[in-house]
């Protein structure tokens, strides 16, 4: 699965492509040190294939590399972060 980063001045999204379908996780950048993940969208054709989890892990890895924190407004990402205590270094619940 290939995950691409698309960024603009106010935020961006992580896009995963698999089997000809795209899933996304969108975020807003509130400061150089904080992003708010606000949406995860996975089409029905990709459900159950771990795409949402891969996007969440990618966001965490990007935050670690970039030195920023994540505030999870997205219900999916928030639920994932509650299951992964090891993400606590970058996720502010």
N, C-alpha and C. Protein backbone atom coordinates (compact mmCIF):
# COMPACT_ATOMS: atom_id res chain seq x y z
N UNK A 1 0.85 -1.18 0.00
CA UNK A 1 0.00 0.00 0.00
C UNK A 1 0.89 1.24 0.00
N UNK A 2 0.59 2.15 -0.87
CA UNK A 2 1.35 3.39 -0.99
C UNK A 2 0.58 4.52 -0.31
N UNK A 3 1.25 5.25 0.59
CA UNK A 3 0.61 6.39 1.26
C UNK A 3 1.38 7.65 0.88
N UNK A 4 0.67 8.61 0.34
CA UNK A 4 1.25 9.89 -0.09
C UNK A 4 0.82 10.99 0.86
N UNK A 5 1.67 11.99 1.01
CA UNK A 5 1.35 13.18 1.80
C UNK A 5 1.00 14.30 0.85
N UNK A 6 -0.12 14.97 1.10
CA UNK A 6 -0.51 16.16 0.36
C UNK A 6 -0.70 17.27 1.38
N UNK A 7 0.06 18.34 1.25
CA UNK A 7 0.00 19.40 2.25
C UNK A 7 -0.27 20.74 1.58
N UNK A 8 -1.02 21.60 2.30
CA UNK A 8 -1.22 22.98 1.85
C UNK A 8 -0.97 23.90 3.05
N UNK A 9 -1.24 25.16 2.92
CA UNK A 9 -0.91 26.13 3.98
C UNK A 9 -1.66 25.87 5.28
N UNK A 10 -2.87 25.34 5.21
CA UNK A 10 -3.66 25.17 6.44
C UNK A 10 -3.76 23.73 6.92
N UNK A 11 -3.20 22.79 6.19
CA UNK A 11 -3.30 21.39 6.59
C UNK A 11 -2.93 20.47 5.47
N UNK A 12 -3.68 19.39 5.35
CA UNK A 12 -3.39 18.44 4.29
C UNK A 12 -4.11 17.14 4.50
N UNK A 13 -3.58 16.10 3.83
CA UNK A 13 -4.16 14.79 3.97
C UNK A 13 -3.13 13.73 3.62
N UNK A 14 -3.34 12.56 4.18
CA UNK A 14 -2.57 11.38 3.84
C UNK A 14 -3.50 10.53 2.99
N UNK A 15 -3.00 10.09 1.85
CA UNK A 15 -3.83 9.34 0.90
C UNK A 15 -3.21 7.97 0.68
N UNK A 16 -4.01 6.94 0.90
CA UNK A 16 -3.58 5.56 0.65
C UNK A 16 -4.30 5.06 -0.59
N UNK A 17 -3.57 4.42 -1.46
CA UNK A 17 -4.17 3.85 -2.65
C UNK A 17 -3.95 2.34 -2.65
N UNK A 18 -5.04 1.61 -2.87
CA UNK A 18 -4.98 0.15 -2.87
C UNK A 18 -6.09 -0.37 -3.77
N UNK A 19 -5.75 -1.29 -4.63
CA UNK A 19 -6.73 -1.93 -5.52
C UNK A 19 -7.55 -0.92 -6.32
N UNK A 20 -6.93 0.19 -6.71
CA UNK A 20 -7.61 1.20 -7.51
C UNK A 20 -8.54 2.12 -6.73
N UNK A 21 -8.51 2.04 -5.41
CA UNK A 21 -9.35 2.89 -4.56
C UNK A 21 -8.46 3.75 -3.67
N UNK A 22 -9.00 4.90 -3.27
CA UNK A 22 -8.27 5.80 -2.39
C UNK A 22 -8.98 5.96 -1.05
N UNK A 23 -8.18 5.98 0.01
CA UNK A 23 -8.67 6.30 1.35
C UNK A 23 -7.88 7.52 1.81
N UNK A 24 -8.43 8.28 2.75
CA UNK A 24 -7.73 9.49 3.18
C UNK A 24 -7.90 9.74 4.66
N UNK A 25 -6.93 10.47 5.20
CA UNK A 25 -6.98 10.99 6.56
C UNK A 25 -6.62 12.46 6.43
N UNK A 26 -7.54 13.34 6.82
CA UNK A 26 -7.30 14.77 6.65
C UNK A 26 -6.95 15.42 7.99
N UNK A 27 -6.21 16.50 7.89
CA UNK A 27 -5.79 17.21 9.09
C UNK A 27 -5.67 18.70 8.83
N UNK A 28 -5.76 19.46 9.92
CA UNK A 28 -5.53 20.91 9.90
C UNK A 28 -4.29 21.18 10.74
N UNK A 29 -3.49 22.11 10.28
CA UNK A 29 -2.30 22.48 11.04
C UNK A 29 -2.63 23.75 11.82
N UNK A 30 -2.58 23.65 13.15
CA UNK A 30 -2.90 24.80 13.99
C UNK A 30 -1.66 25.61 14.34
N UNK A 31 -0.50 24.96 14.30
CA UNK A 31 0.77 25.62 14.56
C UNK A 31 1.87 24.71 13.99
N UNK A 32 3.11 25.19 13.96
CA UNK A 32 4.18 24.32 13.47
C UNK A 32 4.35 23.04 14.32
N UNK A 33 3.80 23.03 15.52
CA UNK A 33 3.98 21.89 16.42
C UNK A 33 2.70 21.11 16.73
N UNK A 34 1.58 21.41 16.02
CA UNK A 34 0.33 20.72 16.31
C UNK A 34 -0.53 20.58 15.06
N UNK A 35 -1.03 19.35 14.84
CA UNK A 35 -2.05 19.14 13.81
C UNK A 35 -3.28 18.54 14.48
N UNK A 36 -4.43 18.78 13.85
CA UNK A 36 -5.69 18.20 14.29
C UNK A 36 -6.15 17.24 13.20
N UNK A 37 -6.21 15.95 13.52
CA UNK A 37 -6.74 14.99 12.56
C UNK A 37 -8.25 15.02 12.72
N UNK A 38 -8.93 15.37 11.61
CA UNK A 38 -10.37 15.60 11.69
C UNK A 38 -11.23 14.63 10.91
N UNK A 39 -10.63 13.78 10.07
CA UNK A 39 -11.46 12.89 9.26
C UNK A 39 -10.63 11.73 8.73
N UNK A 40 -11.23 10.56 8.74
CA UNK A 40 -10.67 9.39 8.05
C UNK A 40 -11.78 8.83 7.18
N UNK A 41 -11.47 8.71 5.89
CA UNK A 41 -12.45 8.17 4.95
C UNK A 41 -11.88 6.96 4.23
N UNK A 42 -12.56 5.83 4.40
CA UNK A 42 -12.15 4.59 3.74
C UNK A 42 -13.35 4.07 2.97
N UNK A 43 -13.22 3.92 1.64
CA UNK A 43 -14.35 3.42 0.86
C UNK A 43 -14.69 1.97 1.23
N UNK A 44 -15.93 1.60 1.01
CA UNK A 44 -16.40 0.26 1.35
C UNK A 44 -15.51 -0.82 0.75
N UNK A 45 -14.99 -0.59 -0.45
CA UNK A 45 -14.16 -1.59 -1.14
C UNK A 45 -12.87 -1.89 -0.38
N UNK A 46 -12.45 -0.98 0.51
CA UNK A 46 -11.20 -1.17 1.24
C UNK A 46 -11.41 -1.51 2.71
N UNK A 47 -12.64 -1.58 3.14
CA UNK A 47 -12.91 -1.86 4.55
C UNK A 47 -12.42 -3.27 4.91
N UNK A 48 -11.87 -3.37 6.12
CA UNK A 48 -11.39 -4.65 6.60
C UNK A 48 -10.00 -5.03 6.12
N UNK A 49 -9.35 -4.12 5.41
CA UNK A 49 -8.02 -4.40 4.87
C UNK A 49 -6.90 -3.68 5.61
N UNK A 50 -7.24 -3.03 6.73
CA UNK A 50 -6.22 -2.36 7.53
C UNK A 50 -5.77 -1.02 6.99
N UNK A 51 -6.53 -0.46 6.07
CA UNK A 51 -6.13 0.81 5.44
C UNK A 51 -6.23 1.96 6.44
N UNK A 52 -7.29 2.03 7.20
CA UNK A 52 -7.43 3.09 8.21
C UNK A 52 -6.32 3.02 9.24
N UNK A 53 -6.02 1.82 9.69
CA UNK A 53 -4.93 1.63 10.65
C UNK A 53 -3.59 2.06 10.06
N UNK A 54 -3.37 1.73 8.78
CA UNK A 54 -2.12 2.13 8.13
C UNK A 54 -2.02 3.65 8.03
N UNK A 55 -3.13 4.32 7.74
CA UNK A 55 -3.13 5.78 7.68
C UNK A 55 -2.83 6.37 9.06
N UNK A 56 -3.43 5.80 10.10
CA UNK A 56 -3.20 6.30 11.46
C UNK A 56 -1.74 6.14 11.86
N UNK A 57 -1.17 4.98 11.58
CA UNK A 57 0.24 4.75 11.91
C UNK A 57 1.14 5.69 11.11
N UNK A 58 0.79 5.93 9.86
CA UNK A 58 1.57 6.86 9.03
C UNK A 58 1.55 8.26 9.64
N UNK A 59 0.37 8.70 10.10
CA UNK A 59 0.26 10.02 10.74
C UNK A 59 1.15 10.10 11.97
N UNK A 60 1.16 9.05 12.77
CA UNK A 60 1.99 9.02 13.98
C UNK A 60 3.47 9.08 13.60
N UNK A 61 3.86 8.31 12.61
CA UNK A 61 5.27 8.32 12.17
C UNK A 61 5.68 9.68 11.62
N UNK A 62 4.78 10.32 10.88
CA UNK A 62 5.07 11.66 10.34
C UNK A 62 5.22 12.67 11.49
N UNK A 63 4.38 12.56 12.50
CA UNK A 63 4.46 13.47 13.65
C UNK A 63 5.79 13.28 14.37
N UNK A 64 6.21 12.04 14.53
CA UNK A 64 7.49 11.78 15.19
C UNK A 64 8.65 12.36 14.38
N UNK A 65 8.61 12.15 13.07
CA UNK A 65 9.67 12.70 12.21
C UNK A 65 9.67 14.23 12.21
N UNK A 66 8.48 14.82 12.21
CA UNK A 66 8.35 16.27 12.12
C UNK A 66 8.44 17.00 13.44
N UNK A 67 8.36 16.26 14.54
CA UNK A 67 8.45 16.87 15.86
C UNK A 67 7.19 17.62 16.27
N UNK A 68 6.02 17.15 15.82
CA UNK A 68 4.78 17.80 16.21
C UNK A 68 3.87 16.82 16.94
N UNK A 69 2.80 17.35 17.51
CA UNK A 69 1.80 16.58 18.23
C UNK A 69 0.53 16.49 17.39
N UNK A 70 -0.30 15.50 17.73
CA UNK A 70 -1.57 15.28 17.05
C UNK A 70 -2.69 15.41 18.07
N UNK A 71 -3.70 16.21 17.73
CA UNK A 71 -4.93 16.26 18.52
C UNK A 71 -6.00 15.54 17.70
N UNK A 72 -6.57 14.44 18.21
CA UNK A 72 -7.51 13.64 17.41
C UNK A 72 -8.97 14.07 17.58
N UNK A 73 -9.52 14.75 16.59
CA UNK A 73 -10.95 15.03 16.56
C UNK A 73 -11.70 13.92 15.82
N UNK A 74 -11.04 13.28 14.90
CA UNK A 74 -11.64 12.19 14.13
C UNK A 74 -11.93 11.01 15.06
N UNK A 75 -13.18 10.54 15.11
CA UNK A 75 -13.53 9.43 16.00
C UNK A 75 -12.70 8.16 15.74
N UNK A 76 -12.42 7.86 14.48
CA UNK A 76 -11.62 6.67 14.17
C UNK A 76 -10.21 6.81 14.73
N UNK A 77 -9.56 7.94 14.43
CA UNK A 77 -8.19 8.12 14.91
C UNK A 77 -8.14 8.16 16.43
N UNK A 78 -9.12 8.80 17.03
CA UNK A 78 -9.15 8.87 18.50
C UNK A 78 -9.27 7.47 19.10
N UNK A 79 -10.14 6.63 18.53
CA UNK A 79 -10.30 5.25 19.01
C UNK A 79 -9.00 4.47 18.84
N UNK A 80 -8.34 4.64 17.70
CA UNK A 80 -7.08 3.94 17.46
C UNK A 80 -6.02 4.38 18.46
N UNK A 81 -5.96 5.68 18.73
CA UNK A 81 -4.93 6.18 19.64
C UNK A 81 -5.18 5.69 21.08
N UNK A 82 -6.43 5.45 21.43
CA UNK A 82 -6.73 4.92 22.76
C UNK A 82 -6.30 3.46 22.88
N UNK A 83 -6.23 2.77 21.75
CA UNK A 83 -5.78 1.37 21.74
C UNK A 83 -4.26 1.24 21.68
N UNK A 84 -3.59 2.33 21.35
CA UNK A 84 -2.13 2.29 21.15
C UNK A 84 -1.45 3.27 22.11
N UNK A 85 -1.24 2.83 23.33
CA UNK A 85 -0.59 3.68 24.33
C UNK A 85 0.79 4.13 23.88
N UNK A 86 1.43 3.35 23.02
CA UNK A 86 2.77 3.70 22.53
C UNK A 86 2.76 4.94 21.63
N UNK A 87 1.60 5.40 21.23
CA UNK A 87 1.50 6.63 20.44
C UNK A 87 1.44 7.87 21.33
N UNK A 88 1.42 7.68 22.64
CA UNK A 88 1.24 8.77 23.58
C UNK A 88 2.30 9.86 23.50
N UNK A 89 3.45 9.56 22.89
CA UNK A 89 4.48 10.58 22.75
C UNK A 89 4.09 11.67 21.76
N UNK A 90 3.14 11.37 20.85
CA UNK A 90 2.74 12.37 19.87
C UNK A 90 1.23 12.67 19.86
N UNK A 91 0.43 11.84 20.51
CA UNK A 91 -1.03 12.04 20.47
C UNK A 91 -1.49 12.66 21.78
N UNK A 92 -2.19 13.78 21.68
CA UNK A 92 -2.77 14.48 22.84
C UNK A 92 -4.25 14.14 22.92
N UNK A 93 -4.61 13.26 23.84
CA UNK A 93 -6.03 12.86 23.97
C UNK A 93 -6.67 13.73 25.04
